[in-house]
């Protein structure tokens, strides 16, 4: 479980930095790296970041 918590934390940090870049500079790093939001790899990254947020929320509440 410690590995899962660590991985979730890393993904949440990546997501937070990406949203910070979007808010400050209108620059989406994930979109830039994977050549668009509709790319399957970008969608996987977005999904993993979202699931990490849900996992952490559940972990913190219970």
Protein backbone atom coordinates (compact mmCIF):
# COMPACT_ATOMS: atom_id res chain seq x y z
CA UNK A 1 0.00 0.00 0.00
CA UNK A 2 2.90 2.38 0.61
CA UNK A 3 3.92 2.08 -3.04
CA UNK A 4 0.36 2.88 -4.14
CA UNK A 5 0.22 5.91 -1.84
CA UNK A 6 3.55 7.13 -3.17
CA UNK A 7 2.48 6.67 -6.80
CA UNK A 8 -0.81 8.43 -6.13
CA UNK A 9 1.05 11.31 -4.47
CA UNK A 10 3.39 11.69 -7.45
CA UNK A 11 0.48 11.72 -9.89
CA UNK A 12 -1.39 14.28 -7.80
CA UNK A 13 1.70 16.53 -7.80
CA UNK A 14 1.99 16.18 -11.59
CA UNK A 15 -1.71 17.06 -11.93
CA UNK A 16 -1.39 20.05 -9.61
CA UNK A 17 1.64 21.39 -11.50
CA UNK A 18 -0.17 20.90 -14.79
CA UNK A 19 -3.23 22.82 -13.54
CA UNK A 20 -0.96 25.53 -12.22
CA UNK A 21 0.58 25.91 -15.67
CA UNK A 22 -2.88 26.00 -17.25
CA UNK A 23 -4.05 28.67 -14.81
CA UNK A 24 -0.98 30.86 -15.03
CA UNK A 25 0.14 30.48 -18.63
CA UNK A 26 -2.69 28.65 -20.43
CA UNK A 27 -0.17 25.85 -21.14
CA UNK A 28 -1.21 22.21 -20.73
CA UNK A 29 1.96 20.17 -20.29
CA UNK A 30 0.26 16.79 -20.74
CA UNK A 31 -1.36 17.97 -23.95
CA UNK A 32 1.97 19.32 -25.18
CA UNK A 33 3.90 16.13 -24.37
CA UNK A 34 1.38 13.81 -26.00
CA UNK A 35 0.41 16.03 -28.95
CA UNK A 36 -3.19 16.69 -27.95
CA UNK A 37 -5.82 15.83 -25.38
CA UNK A 38 -7.47 13.18 -27.52
CA UNK A 39 -4.30 11.08 -27.72
CA UNK A 40 -4.80 7.77 -25.88
CA UNK A 41 -1.67 8.31 -23.77
CA UNK A 42 -2.82 11.74 -22.63
CA UNK A 43 -6.23 10.33 -21.73
CA UNK A 44 -4.55 7.56 -19.71
CA UNK A 45 -2.47 10.13 -17.80
CA UNK A 46 -5.54 12.29 -17.09
CA UNK A 47 -7.45 9.20 -15.94
CA UNK A 48 -4.62 8.04 -13.66
CA UNK A 49 -4.36 11.50 -12.11
CA UNK A 50 -8.12 11.55 -11.49
CA UNK A 51 -8.08 8.07 -9.97
CA UNK A 52 -5.16 9.09 -7.77
CA UNK A 53 -7.18 12.02 -6.49
CA UNK A 54 -10.14 9.76 -5.70
CA UNK A 55 -7.90 7.21 -3.99
CA UNK A 56 -6.31 9.90 -1.85
CA UNK A 57 -9.68 11.41 -0.99
CA UNK A 58 -11.00 8.03 0.13
CA UNK A 59 -7.77 7.34 2.04
CA UNK A 60 -8.00 10.67 3.86
CA UNK A 61 -11.69 10.32 4.74
CA UNK A 62 -11.56 6.74 5.98
